[in-house]
Amino acid sequence: MNHRIVTVLLVALVATATAPVSAASRCDAPRALVDRKACEAAAQGPQALRRFIARAGAMWNIWYFDYRDNEDR
């Protein structure tokens, strides 16, 4: 296969995988374990989510505003 085609396909895959998702839609139907746990923490309030992100954020590459909308800024 042509290397240019492979490169274009890889870039397209990465671009779609990292597309921004709103916090509300991420918690509507969380599929991954980390999303379920973060959404449970977000439901308990901002402090609980901050504690969860402090513990698991670096390991799972997640951020506070992945699960809370901009009203907390």
C-alpha atoms as a PDB file:
ATOM      1  CA  MET A   1       0.000   0.000   0.000  1.00  0.00           C
ATOM      2  CA  ASN A   2       1.207   3.474  -0.771  1.00  0.00           C
ATOM      3  CA  HIS A   3       2.745   5.227   2.255  1.00  0.00           C
ATOM      4  CA  ARG A   4       0.899   8.450   1.433  1.00  0.00           C
ATOM      5  CA  ILE A   5      -2.470   6.684   1.634  1.00  0.00           C
ATOM      6  CA  VAL A   6      -1.544   5.073   4.934  1.00  0.00           C
ATOM      7  CA  THR A   7      -0.482   8.443   6.328  1.00  0.00           C
ATOM      8  CA  VAL A   8      -3.708  10.129   5.239  1.00  0.00           C
ATOM      9  CA  LEU A   9      -5.803   7.330   6.743  1.00  0.00           C
ATOM     10  CA  LEU A  10      -3.867   7.476  10.001  1.00  0.00           C
ATOM     11  CA  VAL A  11      -4.287  11.251  10.268  1.00  0.00           C
ATOM     12  CA  ALA A  12      -8.010  10.930   9.555  1.00  0.00           C
ATOM     13  CA  LEU A  13      -8.368   8.244  12.225  1.00  0.00           C
ATOM     14  CA  VAL A  14      -6.579  10.319  14.848  1.00  0.00           C
ATOM     15  CA  ALA A  15      -8.609  13.420  13.956  1.00  0.00           C
ATOM     16  CA  THR A  16     -11.912  11.610  14.440  1.00  0.00           C
ATOM     17  CA  ALA A  17     -10.778   9.876  17.617  1.00  0.00           C
ATOM     18  CA  THR A  18      -9.817  13.160  19.266  1.00  0.00           C
ATOM     19  CA  ALA A  19     -12.864  15.178  18.211  1.00  0.00           C
ATOM     20  CA  PRO A  20     -14.189  17.356  21.047  1.00  0.00           C
ATOM     21  CA  VAL A  21     -17.168  16.036  22.961  1.00  0.00           C
ATOM     22  CA  SER A  22     -19.307  18.098  25.303  1.00  0.00           C
ATOM     23  CA  ALA A  23     -19.404  17.116  28.944  1.00  0.00           C
ATOM     24  CA  ALA A  24     -23.150  16.558  28.845  1.00  0.00           C
ATOM     25  CA  SER A  25     -22.994  14.128  25.947  1.00  0.00           C
ATOM     26  CA  ARG A  26     -20.024  12.295  27.458  1.00  0.00           C
ATOM     27  CA  CYS A  27     -22.076  11.500  30.559  1.00  0.00           C
ATOM     28  CA  ASP A  28     -25.329  10.730  28.747  1.00  0.00           C
ATOM     29  CA  ALA A  29     -24.263   7.150  28.047  1.00  0.00           C
ATOM     30  CA  PRO A  30     -20.721   6.567  29.313  1.00  0.00           C
ATOM     31  CA  ARG A  31     -19.245   3.417  27.806  1.00  0.00           C
ATOM     32  CA  ALA A  32     -15.739   3.291  29.241  1.00  0.00           C
ATOM     33  CA  LEU A  33     -15.109   2.514  32.907  1.00  0.00           C
ATOM     34  CA  VAL A  34     -13.224   5.774  33.435  1.00  0.00           C
ATOM     35  CA  ASP A  35     -16.113   7.743  31.931  1.00  0.00           C
ATOM     36  CA  ARG A  36     -18.616   6.027  34.221  1.00  0.00           C
ATOM     37  CA  LYS A  37     -16.475   6.723  37.281  1.00  0.00           C
ATOM     38  CA  ALA A  38     -15.866  10.351  36.292  1.00  0.00           C
ATOM     39  CA  CYS A  39     -19.560  10.932  35.594  1.00  0.00           C
ATOM     40  CA  GLU A  40     -20.457   9.460  38.982  1.00  0.00           C
ATOM     41  CA  ALA A  41     -17.980  11.857  40.596  1.00  0.00           C
ATOM     42  CA  ALA A  42     -19.334  14.789  38.547  1.00  0.00           C
ATOM     43  CA  ALA A  43     -22.860  13.955  39.720  1.00  0.00           C
ATOM     44  CA  GLN A  44     -21.662  14.281  43.330  1.00  0.00           C
ATOM     45  CA  GLY A  45     -20.376  17.796  42.631  1.00  0.00           C
ATOM     46  CA  PRO A  46     -17.332  19.757  41.498  1.00  0.00           C
ATOM     47  CA  GLN A  47     -15.172  18.857  44.509  1.00  0.00           C
ATOM     48  CA  ALA A  48     -15.712  15.117  44.058  1.00  0.00           C
ATOM     49  CA  LEU A  49     -14.843  15.394  40.380  1.00  0.00           C
ATOM     50  CA  ARG A  50     -11.702  17.404  41.176  1.00  0.00           C
ATOM     51  CA  ARG A  51     -10.591  14.698  43.629  1.00  0.00           C
ATOM     52  CA  PHE A  52     -11.221  11.976  41.049  1.00  0.00           C
ATOM     53  CA  ILE A  53      -9.333  13.887  38.345  1.00  0.00           C
ATOM     54  CA  ALA A  54      -6.441  14.504  40.759  1.00  0.00           C
ATOM     55  CA  ARG A  55      -6.160  10.750  41.371  1.00  0.00           C
ATOM     56  CA  ALA A  56      -6.878   9.350  37.907  1.00  0.00           C
ATOM     57  CA  GLY A  57      -6.428  12.221  35.453  1.00  0.00           C
ATOM     58  CA  ALA A  58      -2.814  11.606  34.472  1.00  0.00           C
ATOM     59  CA  MET A  59      -3.271   7.855  34.204  1.00  0.00           C
ATOM     60  CA  TRP A  60      -6.363   8.087  31.957  1.00  0.00           C
ATOM     61  CA  ASN A  61      -5.498  11.397  30.237  1.00  0.00           C
ATOM     62  CA  ILE A  62      -8.764  13.019  31.303  1.00  0.00           C
ATOM     63  CA  TRP A  63      -9.481  16.603  32.307  1.00  0.00           C
ATOM     64  CA  TYR A  64     -11.968  18.277  34.627  1.00  0.00           C
ATOM     65  CA  PHE A  65     -13.782  20.042  31.780  1.00  0.00           C
ATOM     66  CA  ASP A  66     -14.236  16.760  29.934  1.00  0.00           C
ATOM     67  CA  TYR A  67     -16.983  16.076  32.481  1.00  0.00           C
ATOM     68  CA  ARG A  68     -18.108  19.537  33.600  1.00  0.00           C
ATOM     69  CA  ASP A  69     -19.307  22.259  31.271  1.00  0.00           C
ATOM     70  CA  ASN A  70     -17.893  25.768  31.262  1.00  0.00           C
ATOM     71  CA  GLU A  71     -20.175  27.062  34.036  1.00  0.00           C
ATOM     72  CA  ASP A  72     -17.495  26.125  36.601  1.00  0.00           C
ATOM     73  CA  ARG A  73     -14.809  28.387  35.170  1.00  0.00           C
END
